[in-house]
Structures are given as structure tokens and as C-alpha cells.
Amino acid sequence: MTSRNLVPPTFTVPPTTYSAQYFNDFVRSLSLFILQVQQPGEGRHTDLVLTALQTNDAGLEIGALFEVDGFIKITRANNPHPEGTAATSGVGTVTVSTP
């Protein structure tokens, strides 16, 4: 959040006894904080280093970055990059005889 011009909510010291007004203010501040964190923001960077990126999009939200064979990719709903694919199959039988 440091790159955005957001005013963080204030969390004051709670009173010694229960106060409905304090609790309502606390919930309002917490809701504002969660909303601010979840909203996308602008970004302009001179240097950017990404480490430990996933190699597939399994479990990532739409728009998250991952790396495949040295290329950065963005998770999209209609273009999956599964974790791996495997299959086994059988065709007929083989008999080996020795003299």
C-alpha cells in the first residue's frame, strides 16, 4: 500500500468497559482497511524483482503472475496452465519366450 496515496484508518485504544460506539467505530475502521487492501492500485516501478513464482496457475486468483519456462504469465479464467498432465494406457499384450 505504500505506493498508493491512501489514508489508513485509525485504531484507537479501547475503553476499559464495553462501548457500543467504540465497537462500531472499530468495525467501521476495520472494514475500511480491508476495502483499501483489496482494491487494485496504480504502480510504476523502475526495478522489480519477482522471486519464488509458481510454475503453474493452480490455486492463483485471476490476474496473478506465474512463471513457465522463463516466461512470466498472467492467470486468466479461460486459459488454464495446469500443474501437470499424465496419462497411462495399454494396447494389447506382449509375450516374450526364451529358447
PDB file of N, CA and C in Angstrom:
ATOM      1  N   MET A   1       0.803  -1.191   0.000  1.00  0.00           N
ATOM      2  CA  MET A   1       0.000   0.000   0.000  1.00  0.00           C
ATOM      3  C   MET A   1       0.849   1.258   0.000  1.00  0.00           C
ATOM      4  N   THR A   2       2.137   1.153   0.120  1.00  0.00           N
ATOM      5  CA  THR A   2       2.951   2.350   0.214  1.00  0.00           C
ATOM      6  C   THR A   2       2.983   3.144  -1.076  1.00  0.00           C
ATOM      7  N   SER A   3       2.741   2.517  -2.230  1.00  0.00           N
ATOM      8  CA  SER A   3       2.786   3.241  -3.487  1.00  0.00           C
ATOM      9  C   SER A   3       1.480   3.967  -3.782  1.00  0.00           C
ATOM     10  N   ARG A   4       0.467   3.745  -2.989  1.00  0.00           N
ATOM     11  CA  ARG A   4      -0.815   4.423  -3.196  1.00  0.00           C
ATOM     12  C   ARG A   4      -0.989   5.521  -2.159  1.00  0.00           C
ATOM     13  N   ASN A   5      -1.723   6.528  -2.524  1.00  0.00           N
ATOM     14  CA  ASN A   5      -1.983   7.638  -1.604  1.00  0.00           C
ATOM     15  C   ASN A   5      -3.240   7.357  -0.790  1.00  0.00           C
ATOM     16  N   LEU A   6      -3.147   6.415   0.118  1.00  0.00           N
ATOM     17  CA  LEU A   6      -4.277   6.038   0.959  1.00  0.00           C
ATOM     18  C   LEU A   6      -4.069   6.565   2.364  1.00  0.00           C
ATOM     19  N   VAL A   7      -5.150   6.964   2.973  1.00  0.00           N
ATOM     20  CA  VAL A   7      -5.104   7.366   4.376  1.00  0.00           C
ATOM     21  C   VAL A   7      -5.554   6.166   5.188  1.00  0.00           C
ATOM     22  N   PRO A   8      -4.638   5.577   5.970  1.00  0.00           N
ATOM     23  CA  PRO A   8      -5.029   4.389   6.727  1.00  0.00           C
ATOM     24  C   PRO A   8      -6.018   4.747   7.834  1.00  0.00           C
ATOM     25  N   PRO A   9      -6.918   3.824   8.162  1.00  0.00           N
ATOM     26  CA  PRO A   9      -7.859   4.092   9.251  1.00  0.00           C
ATOM     27  C   PRO A   9      -7.134   4.119  10.587  1.00  0.00           C
ATOM     28  N   THR A  10      -7.738   4.772  11.543  1.00  0.00           N
ATOM     29  CA  THR A  10      -7.141   4.831  12.880  1.00  0.00           C
ATOM     30  C   THR A  10      -7.817   3.801  13.785  1.00  0.00           C
ATOM     31  N   PHE A  11      -6.999   3.161  14.592  1.00  0.00           N
ATOM     32  CA  PHE A  11      -7.485   2.215  15.584  1.00  0.00           C
ATOM     33  C   PHE A  11      -7.097   2.768  16.947  1.00  0.00           C
ATOM     34  N   THR A  12      -8.064   3.310  17.647  1.00  0.00           N
ATOM     35  CA  THR A  12      -7.790   3.937  18.940  1.00  0.00           C
ATOM     36  C   THR A  12      -7.724   2.889  20.049  1.00  0.00           C
ATOM     37  N   VAL A  13      -7.216   3.297  21.187  1.00  0.00           N
ATOM     38  CA  VAL A  13      -7.118   2.421  22.357  1.00  0.00           C
ATOM     39  C   VAL A  13      -8.535   2.155  22.877  1.00  0.00           C
ATOM     40  N   PRO A  14      -8.861   0.889  23.128  1.00  0.00           N
ATOM     41  CA  PRO A  14     -10.229   0.588  23.575  1.00  0.00           C
ATOM     42  C   PRO A  14     -10.471   1.053  25.011  1.00  0.00           C
ATOM     43  N   PRO A  15     -11.728   1.335  25.320  1.00  0.00           N
ATOM     44  CA  PRO A  15     -12.053   1.717  26.707  1.00  0.00           C
ATOM     45  C   PRO A  15     -11.970   0.493  27.622  1.00  0.00           C
ATOM     46  N   THR A  16     -11.953   0.721  28.909  1.00  0.00           N
ATOM     47  CA  THR A  16     -11.840  -0.389  29.867  1.00  0.00           C
ATOM     48  C   THR A  16     -13.134  -1.187  29.977  1.00  0.00           C
ATOM     49  N   THR A  17     -14.259  -0.576  29.637  1.00  0.00           N
ATOM     50  CA  THR A  17     -15.534  -1.289  29.643  1.00  0.00           C
ATOM     51  C   THR A  17     -16.095  -1.288  28.221  1.00  0.00           C
ATOM     52  N   TYR A  18     -17.045  -2.187  27.984  1.00  0.00           N
ATOM     53  CA  TYR A  18     -17.635  -2.299  26.650  1.00  0.00           C
ATOM     54  C   TYR A  18     -18.328  -0.999  26.266  1.00  0.00           C
ATOM     55  N   SER A  19     -18.089  -0.586  25.027  1.00  0.00           N
ATOM     56  CA  SER A  19     -18.731   0.612  24.490  1.00  0.00           C
ATOM     57  C   SER A  19     -19.225   0.285  23.087  1.00  0.00           C
ATOM     58  N   ALA A  20     -20.526   0.383  22.893  1.00  0.00           N
ATOM     59  CA  ALA A  20     -21.095   0.103  21.573  1.00  0.00           C
ATOM     60  C   ALA A  20     -20.543   1.083  20.543  1.00  0.00           C
ATOM     61  N   GLN A  21     -20.347   2.331  20.916  1.00  0.00           N
ATOM     62  CA  GLN A  21     -19.813   3.327  19.988  1.00  0.00           C
ATOM     63  C   GLN A  21     -18.383   2.963  19.574  1.00  0.00           C
ATOM     64  N   TYR A  22     -17.554   2.564  20.535  1.00  0.00           N
ATOM     65  CA  TYR A  22     -16.182   2.162  20.199  1.00  0.00           C
ATOM     66  C   TYR A  22     -16.198   0.944  19.276  1.00  0.00           C
ATOM     67  N   PHE A  23     -17.035  -0.040  19.600  1.00  0.00           N
ATOM     68  CA  PHE A  23     -17.095  -1.254  18.779  1.00  0.00           C
ATOM     69  C   PHE A  23     -17.538  -0.925  17.355  1.00  0.00           C
ATOM     70  N   ASN A  24     -18.547  -0.073  17.193  1.00  0.00           N
ATOM     71  CA  ASN A  24     -18.998   0.339  15.862  1.00  0.00           C
ATOM     72  C   ASN A  24     -17.894   1.073  15.106  1.00  0.00           C
ATOM     73  N   ASP A  25     -17.163   1.954  15.781  1.00  0.00           N
ATOM     74  CA  ASP A  25     -16.053   2.672  15.148  1.00  0.00           C
ATOM     75  C   ASP A  25     -14.941   1.704  14.730  1.00  0.00           C
ATOM     76  N   PHE A  26     -14.666   0.720  15.575  1.00  0.00           N
ATOM     77  CA  PHE A  26     -13.632  -0.265  15.282  1.00  0.00           C
ATOM     78  C   PHE A  26     -14.007  -1.091  14.046  1.00  0.00           C
ATOM     79  N   VAL A  27     -15.254  -1.559  14.000  1.00  0.00           N
ATOM     80  CA  VAL A  27     -15.726  -2.347  12.852  1.00  0.00           C
ATOM     81  C   VAL A  27     -15.671  -1.499  11.586  1.00  0.00           C
ATOM     82  N   ARG A  28     -16.065  -0.240  11.663  1.00  0.00           N
ATOM     83  CA  ARG A  28     -16.021   0.651  10.502  1.00  0.00           C
ATOM     84  C   ARG A  28     -14.579   0.835  10.020  1.00  0.00           C
ATOM     85  N   SER A  29     -13.637   1.050  10.938  1.00  0.00           N
ATOM     86  CA  SER A  29     -12.229   1.213  10.569  1.00  0.00           C
ATOM     87  C   SER A  29     -11.659  -0.067   9.966  1.00  0.00           C
ATOM     88  N   LEU A  30     -11.989  -1.198  10.542  1.00  0.00           N
ATOM     89  CA  LEU A  30     -11.503  -2.472  10.020  1.00  0.00           C
ATOM     90  C   LEU A  30     -12.078  -2.740   8.628  1.00  0.00           C
ATOM     91  N   SER A  31     -13.347  -2.444   8.426  1.00  0.00           N
ATOM     92  CA  SER A  31     -13.970  -2.622   7.108  1.00  0.00           C
ATOM     93  C   SER A  31     -13.308  -1.722   6.075  1.00  0.00           C
ATOM     94  N   LEU A  32     -12.996  -0.484   6.455  1.00  0.00           N
ATOM     95  CA  LEU A  32     -12.313   0.436   5.546  1.00  0.00           C
ATOM     96  C   LEU A  32     -10.928  -0.090   5.192  1.00  0.00           C
ATOM     97  N   PHE A  33     -10.188  -0.589   6.179  1.00  0.00           N
ATOM     98  CA  PHE A  33      -8.862  -1.135   5.935  1.00  0.00           C
ATOM     99  C   PHE A  33      -8.921  -2.319   4.971  1.00  0.00           C
ATOM    100  N   ILE A  34      -9.844  -3.232   5.183  1.00  0.00           N
ATOM    101  CA  ILE A  34      -9.982  -4.396   4.306  1.00  0.00           C
ATOM    102  C   ILE A  34     -10.331  -3.958   2.896  1.00  0.00           C
ATOM    103  N   LEU A  35     -11.220  -3.006   2.759  1.00  0.00           N
ATOM    104  CA  LEU A  35     -11.598  -2.491   1.442  1.00  0.00           C
ATOM    105  C   LEU A  35     -10.392  -1.872   0.733  1.00  0.00           C
ATOM    106  N   GLN A  36      -9.588  -1.091   1.457  1.00  0.00           N
ATOM    107  CA  GLN A  36      -8.406  -0.462   0.865  1.00  0.00           C
ATOM    108  C   GLN A  36      -7.394  -1.507   0.405  1.00  0.00           C
ATOM    109  N   VAL A  37      -7.181  -2.545   1.179  1.00  0.00           N
ATOM    110  CA  VAL A  37      -6.209  -3.574   0.835  1.00  0.00           C
ATOM    111  C   VAL A  37      -6.661  -4.362  -0.388  1.00  0.00           C
ATOM    112  N   GLN A  38      -7.958  -4.580  -0.531  1.00  0.00           N
ATOM    113  CA  GLN A  38      -8.470  -5.387  -1.624  1.00  0.00           C
ATOM    114  C   GLN A  38      -8.580  -4.627  -2.943  1.00  0.00           C
ATOM    115  N   GLN A  39      -8.566  -3.315  -2.904  1.00  0.00           N
ATOM    116  CA  GLN A  39      -8.719  -2.536  -4.123  1.00  0.00           C
ATOM    117  C   GLN A  39      -7.407  -2.479  -4.894  1.00  0.00           C
ATOM    118  N   PRO A  40      -7.470  -2.622  -6.225  1.00  0.00           N
ATOM    119  CA  PRO A  40      -6.244  -2.505  -7.009  1.00  0.00           C
ATOM    120  C   PRO A  40      -5.740  -1.074  -6.996  1.00  0.00           C
ATOM    121  N   GLY A  41      -4.465  -0.930  -7.122  1.00  0.00           N
ATOM    122  CA  GLY A  41      -3.872   0.396  -7.135  1.00  0.00           C
ATOM    123  C   GLY A  41      -2.946   0.571  -8.315  1.00  0.00           C
ATOM    124  N   GLU A  42      -2.486   1.770  -8.484  1.00  0.00           N
ATOM    125  CA  GLU A  42      -1.562   2.065  -9.560  1.00  0.00           C
ATOM    126  C   GLU A  42      -0.168   1.613  -9.177  1.00  0.00           C
ATOM    127  N   GLY A  43       0.650   1.376 -10.174  1.00  0.00           N
ATOM    128  CA  GLY A  43       2.032   1.012  -9.913  1.00  0.00           C
ATOM    129  C   GLY A  43       2.936   1.497 -11.027  1.00  0.00           C
ATOM    130  N   ARG A  44       4.048   2.058 -10.653  1.00  0.00           N
ATOM    131  CA  ARG A  44       5.075   2.453 -11.612  1.00  0.00           C
ATOM    132  C   ARG A  44       6.399   2.144 -10.939  1.00  0.00           C
ATOM    133  N   HIS A  45       7.181   1.283 -11.582  1.00  0.00           N
ATOM    134  CA  HIS A  45       8.392   0.798 -10.942  1.00  0.00           C
ATOM    135  C   HIS A  45       9.584   0.916 -11.883  1.00  0.00           C
ATOM    136  N   THR A  46      10.725   1.255 -11.330  1.00  0.00           N
ATOM    137  CA  THR A  46      11.957   1.294 -12.098  1.00  0.00           C
ATOM    138  C   THR A  46      12.616  -0.081 -12.077  1.00  0.00           C
ATOM    139  N   ASP A  47      12.636  -0.714 -10.932  1.00  0.00           N
ATOM    140  CA  ASP A  47      13.200  -2.051 -10.768  1.00  0.00           C
ATOM    141  C   ASP A  47      12.166  -2.931 -10.084  1.00  0.00           C
ATOM    142  N   LEU A  48      12.077  -4.163 -10.552  1.00  0.00           N
ATOM    143  CA  LEU A  48      11.146  -5.098  -9.957  1.00  0.00           C
ATOM    144  C   LEU A  48      11.780  -6.479  -9.985  1.00  0.00           C
ATOM    145  N   VAL A  49      11.815  -7.136  -8.839  1.00  0.00           N
ATOM    146  CA  VAL A  49      12.368  -8.485  -8.743  1.00  0.00           C
ATOM    147  C   VAL A  49      11.273  -9.389  -8.193  1.00  0.00           C
ATOM    148  N   LEU A  50      10.973 -10.449  -8.935  1.00  0.00           N
ATOM    149  CA  LEU A  50       9.976 -11.419  -8.511  1.00  0.00           C
ATOM    150  C   LEU A  50      10.695 -12.726  -8.201  1.00  0.00           C
ATOM    151  N   THR A  51      10.519 -13.221  -7.006  1.00  0.00           N
ATOM    152  CA  THR A  51      11.183 -14.461  -6.608  1.00  0.00           C
ATOM    153  C   THR A  51      10.142 -15.497  -6.207  1.00  0.00           C
ATOM    154  N   ALA A  52      10.507 -16.745  -6.364  1.00  0.00           N
ATOM    155  CA  ALA A  52       9.689 -17.884  -5.931  1.00  0.00           C
ATOM    156  C   ALA A  52       8.294 -17.874  -6.549  1.00  0.00           C
ATOM    157  N   LEU A  53       8.204 -17.539  -7.836  1.00  0.00           N
ATOM    158  CA  LEU A  53       6.914 -17.601  -8.510  1.00  0.00           C
ATOM    159  C   LEU A  53       6.530 -19.051  -8.768  1.00  0.00           C
ATOM    160  N   GLN A  54       5.234 -19.324  -8.723  1.00  0.00           N
ATOM    161  CA  GLN A  54       4.744 -20.655  -9.062  1.00  0.00           C
ATOM    162  C   GLN A  54       5.032 -20.954 -10.528  1.00  0.00           C
ATOM    163  N   THR A  55       5.074 -22.235 -10.865  1.00  0.00           N
ATOM    164  CA  THR A  55       5.307 -22.630 -12.248  1.00  0.00           C
ATOM    165  C   THR A  55       4.015 -23.036 -12.954  1.00  0.00           C
ATOM    166  N   ASN A  56       2.883 -22.774 -12.319  1.00  0.00           N
ATOM    167  CA  ASN A  56       1.575 -23.027 -12.920  1.00  0.00           C
ATOM    168  C   ASN A  56       0.573 -22.113 -12.231  1.00  0.00           C
ATOM    169  N   ASP A  57      -0.665 -22.118 -12.688  1.00  0.00           N
ATOM    170  CA  ASP A  57      -1.652 -21.227 -12.096  1.00  0.00           C
ATOM    171  C   ASP A  57      -2.587 -21.904 -11.104  1.00  0.00           C
ATOM    172  N   ALA A  58      -2.210 -23.076 -10.624  1.00  0.00           N
ATOM    173  CA  ALA A  58      -3.044 -23.807  -9.666  1.00  0.00           C
ATOM    174  C   ALA A  58      -3.208 -23.006  -8.376  1.00  0.00           C
ATOM    175  N   GLY A  59      -4.445 -22.701  -8.028  1.00  0.00           N
ATOM    176  CA  GLY A  59      -4.747 -22.007  -6.782  1.00  0.00           C
ATOM    177  C   GLY A  59      -4.548 -20.501  -6.822  1.00  0.00           C
ATOM    178  N   LEU A  60      -4.144 -19.938  -7.951  1.00  0.00           N
ATOM    179  CA  LEU A  60      -3.926 -18.497  -8.042  1.00  0.00           C
ATOM    180  C   LEU A  60      -5.203 -17.786  -8.446  1.00  0.00           C
ATOM    181  N   GLU A  61      -5.349 -16.547  -7.990  1.00  0.00           N
ATOM    182  CA  GLU A  61      -6.503 -15.755  -8.394  1.00  0.00           C
ATOM    183  C   GLU A  61      -6.280 -15.187  -9.801  1.00  0.00           C
ATOM    184  N   ILE A  62      -7.350 -14.787 -10.447  1.00  0.00           N
ATOM    185  CA  ILE A  62      -7.273 -14.196 -11.774  1.00  0.00           C
ATOM    186  C   ILE A  62      -6.412 -12.930 -11.691  1.00  0.00           C
ATOM    187  N   GLY A  63      -5.445 -12.815 -12.598  1.00  0.00           N
ATOM    188  CA  GLY A  63      -4.558 -11.663 -12.611  1.00  0.00           C
ATOM    189  C   GLY A  63      -3.228 -11.885 -11.910  1.00  0.00           C
ATOM    190  N   ALA A  64      -3.077 -13.009 -11.210  1.00  0.00           N
ATOM    191  CA  ALA A  64      -1.823 -13.295 -10.514  1.00  0.00           C
ATOM    192  C   ALA A  64      -0.752 -13.726 -11.526  1.00  0.00           C
ATOM    193  N   LEU A  65       0.509 -13.501 -11.178  1.00  0.00           N
ATOM    194  CA  LEU A  65       1.624 -13.856 -12.051  1.00  0.00           C
ATOM    195  C   LEU A  65       2.188 -15.224 -11.692  1.00  0.00           C
ATOM    196  N   PHE A  66       2.651 -15.951 -12.712  1.00  0.00           N
ATOM    197  CA  PHE A  66       3.385 -17.190 -12.512  1.00  0.00           C
ATOM    198  C   PHE A  66       4.382 -17.328 -13.650  1.00  0.00           C
ATOM    199  N   GLU A  67       5.330 -18.263 -13.531  1.00  0.00           N
ATOM    200  CA  GLU A  67       6.420 -18.394 -14.498  1.00  0.00           C
ATOM    201  C   GLU A  67       6.407 -19.785 -15.120  1.00  0.00           C
ATOM    202  N   VAL A  68       6.515 -19.826 -16.448  1.00  0.00           N
ATOM    203  CA  VAL A  68       6.590 -21.103 -17.167  1.00  0.00           C
ATOM    204  C   VAL A  68       7.768 -21.023 -18.128  1.00  0.00           C
ATOM    205  N   ASP A  69       8.774 -21.858 -17.907  1.00  0.00           N
ATOM    206  CA  ASP A  69       9.952 -21.928 -18.777  1.00  0.00           C
ATOM    207  C   ASP A  69      10.590 -20.558 -19.018  1.00  0.00           C
ATOM    208  N   GLY A  70      10.713 -19.755 -17.973  1.00  0.00           N
ATOM    209  CA  GLY A  70      11.372 -18.457 -18.090  1.00  0.00           C
ATOM    210  C   GLY A  70      10.483 -17.328 -18.571  1.00  0.00           C
ATOM    211  N   PHE A  71       9.206 -17.588 -18.793  1.00  0.00           N
ATOM    212  CA  PHE A  71       8.276 -16.557 -19.242  1.00  0.00           C
ATOM    213  C   PHE A  71       7.275 -16.255 -18.137  1.00  0.00           C
ATOM    214  N   ILE A  72       7.031 -14.967 -17.894  1.00  0.00           N
ATOM    215  CA  ILE A  72       6.022 -14.556 -16.921  1.00  0.00           C
ATOM    216  C   ILE A  72       4.666 -14.611 -17.597  1.00  0.00           C
ATOM    217  N   LYS A  73       3.721 -15.253 -16.926  1.00  0.00           N
ATOM    218  CA  LYS A  73       2.361 -15.353 -17.456  1.00  0.00           C
ATOM    219  C   LYS A  73       1.387 -14.828 -16.421  1.00  0.00           C
ATOM    220  N   ILE A  74       0.209 -14.469 -16.889  1.00  0.00           N
ATOM    221  CA  ILE A  74      -0.842 -13.929 -16.027  1.00  0.00           C
ATOM    222  C   ILE A  74      -2.006 -14.918 -16.016  1.00  0.00           C
ATOM    223  N   THR A  75      -2.510 -15.225 -14.835  1.00  0.00           N
ATOM    224  CA  THR A  75      -3.626 -16.147 -14.698  1.00  0.00           C
ATOM    225  C   THR A  75      -4.876 -15.549 -15.320  1.00  0.00           C
ATOM    226  N   ARG A  76      -5.499 -16.323 -16.221  1.00  0.00           N
ATOM    227  CA  ARG A  76      -6.752 -15.909 -16.852  1.00  0.00           C
ATOM    228  C   ARG A  76      -7.760 -17.032 -16.688  1.00  0.00           C
ATOM    229  N   ALA A  77      -9.031 -16.667 -16.629  1.00  0.00           N
ATOM    230  CA  ALA A  77     -10.076 -17.660 -16.394  1.00  0.00           C
ATOM    231  C   ALA A  77     -10.227 -18.626 -17.561  1.00  0.00           C
ATOM    232  N   ASN A  78     -10.033 -18.163 -18.775  1.00  0.00           N
ATOM    233  CA  ASN A  78     -10.293 -19.009 -19.933  1.00  0.00           C
ATOM    234  C   ASN A  78      -9.027 -19.580 -20.561  1.00  0.00           C
ATOM    235  N   ASN A  79      -7.894 -19.520 -19.869  1.00  0.00           N
ATOM    236  CA  ASN A  79      -6.643 -20.029 -20.411  1.00  0.00           C
ATOM    237  C   ASN A  79      -5.844 -20.715 -19.302  1.00  0.00           C
ATOM    238  N   PRO A  80      -6.233 -21.923 -18.895  1.00  0.00           N
ATOM    239  CA  PRO A  80      -5.573 -22.585 -17.769  1.00  0.00           C
ATOM    240  C   PRO A  80      -4.181 -23.104 -18.116  1.00  0.00           C
ATOM    241  N   HIS A  81      -3.329 -23.111 -17.127  1.00  0.00           N
ATOM    242  CA  HIS A  81      -1.999 -23.719 -17.214  1.00  0.00           C
ATOM    243  C   HIS A  81      -1.920 -24.738 -16.084  1.00  0.00           C
ATOM    244  N   PRO A  82      -2.376 -25.974 -16.337  1.00  0.00           N
ATOM    245  CA  PRO A  82      -2.450 -26.959 -15.266  1.00  0.00           C
ATOM    246  C   PRO A  82      -1.079 -27.316 -14.704  1.00  0.00           C
ATOM    247  N   GLU A  83      -1.102 -27.814 -13.491  1.00  0.00           N
ATOM    248  CA  GLU A  83       0.124 -28.169 -12.775  1.00  0.00           C
ATOM    249  C   GLU A  83       0.908 -29.251 -13.491  1.00  0.00           C
ATOM    250  N   GLY A  84       0.243 -30.166 -14.090  1.00  0.00           N
ATOM    251  CA  GLY A  84       0.928 -31.232 -14.818  1.00  0.00           C
ATOM    252  C   GLY A  84      -0.090 -32.154 -15.439  1.00  0.00           C
ATOM    253  N   THR A  85       0.332 -32.838 -16.441  1.00  0.00           N
ATOM    254  CA  THR A  85      -0.571 -33.792 -17.063  1.00  0.00           C
ATOM    255  C   THR A  85       0.138 -35.126 -17.153  1.00  0.00           C
ATOM    256  N   ALA A  86      -0.601 -36.169 -16.959  1.00  0.00           N
ATOM    257  CA  ALA A  86      -0.033 -37.511 -17.039  1.00  0.00           C
ATOM    258  C   ALA A  86      -1.121 -38.459 -17.498  1.00  0.00           C
ATOM    259  N   ALA A  87      -0.703 -39.499 -18.183  1.00  0.00           N
ATOM    260  CA  ALA A  87      -1.664 -40.499 -18.634  1.00  0.00           C
ATOM    261  C   ALA A  87      -0.953 -41.832 -18.790  1.00  0.00           C
ATOM    262  N   THR A  88      -1.690 -42.876 -18.595  1.00  0.00           N
ATOM    263  CA  THR A  88      -1.175 -44.218 -18.857  1.00  0.00           C
ATOM    264  C   THR A  88      -2.192 -44.922 -19.725  1.00  0.00           C
ATOM    265  N   SER A  89      -1.690 -45.812 -20.531  1.00  0.00           N
ATOM    266  CA  SER A  89      -2.571 -46.514 -21.450  1.00  0.00           C
ATOM    267  C   SER A  89      -1.996 -47.891 -21.727  1.00  0.00           C
ATOM    268  N   GLY A  90      -2.798 -48.747 -22.263  1.00  0.00           N
ATOM    269  CA  GLY A  90      -2.328 -50.065 -22.629  1.00  0.00           C
ATOM    270  C   GLY A  90      -2.955 -50.490 -23.956  1.00  0.00           C
ATOM    271  N   VAL A  91      -2.143 -51.119 -24.774  1.00  0.00           N
ATOM    272  CA  VAL A  91      -2.633 -51.612 -26.057  1.00  0.00           C
ATOM    273  C   VAL A  91      -2.165 -53.045 -26.230  1.00  0.00           C
ATOM    274  N   GLY A  92      -3.054 -53.977 -26.129  1.00  0.00           N
ATOM    275  CA  GLY A  92      -2.705 -55.377 -26.349  1.00  0.00           C
ATOM    276  C   GLY A  92      -1.805 -55.929 -25.272  1.00  0.00           C
ATOM    277  N   THR A  93      -1.208 -57.071 -25.578  1.00  0.00           N
ATOM    278  CA  THR A  93      -0.283 -57.738 -24.667  1.00  0.00           C
ATOM    279  C   THR A  93       0.959 -58.146 -25.428  1.00  0.00           C
ATOM    280  N   VAL A  94       2.018 -58.353 -24.689  1.00  0.00           N
ATOM    281  CA  VAL A  94       3.288 -58.793 -25.283  1.00  0.00           C
ATOM    282  C   VAL A  94       3.708 -60.059 -24.548  1.00  0.00           C
ATOM    283  N   THR A  95       4.075 -61.076 -25.301  1.00  0.00           N
ATOM    284  CA  THR A  95       4.585 -62.323 -24.728  1.00  0.00           C
ATOM    285  C   THR A  95       6.027 -62.501 -25.158  1.00  0.00           C
ATOM    286  N   VAL A  96       6.881 -62.742 -24.206  1.00  0.00           N
ATOM    287  CA  VAL A  96       8.305 -62.949 -24.500  1.00  0.00           C
ATOM    288  C   VAL A  96       8.633 -64.402 -24.186  1.00  0.00           C
ATOM    289  N   SER A  97       9.190 -65.117 -25.166  1.00  0.00           N
ATOM    290  CA  SER A  97       9.582 -66.516 -24.984  1.00  0.00           C
ATOM    291  C   SER A  97      11.088 -66.640 -25.128  1.00  0.00           C
ATOM    292  N   THR A  98      11.691 -67.477 -24.345  1.00  0.00           N
ATOM    293  CA  THR A  98      13.124 -67.752 -24.457  1.00  0.00           C
ATOM    294  C   THR A  98      13.311 -69.212 -24.812  1.00  0.00           C
ATOM    295  N   PRO A  99      14.325 -69.533 -25.654  1.00  0.00           N
ATOM    296  CA  PRO A  99      14.509 -70.948 -26.060  1.00  0.00           C
ATOM    297  C   PRO A  99      15.018 -71.832 -24.939  1.00  0.00           C
TER     298      PRO A  99
END
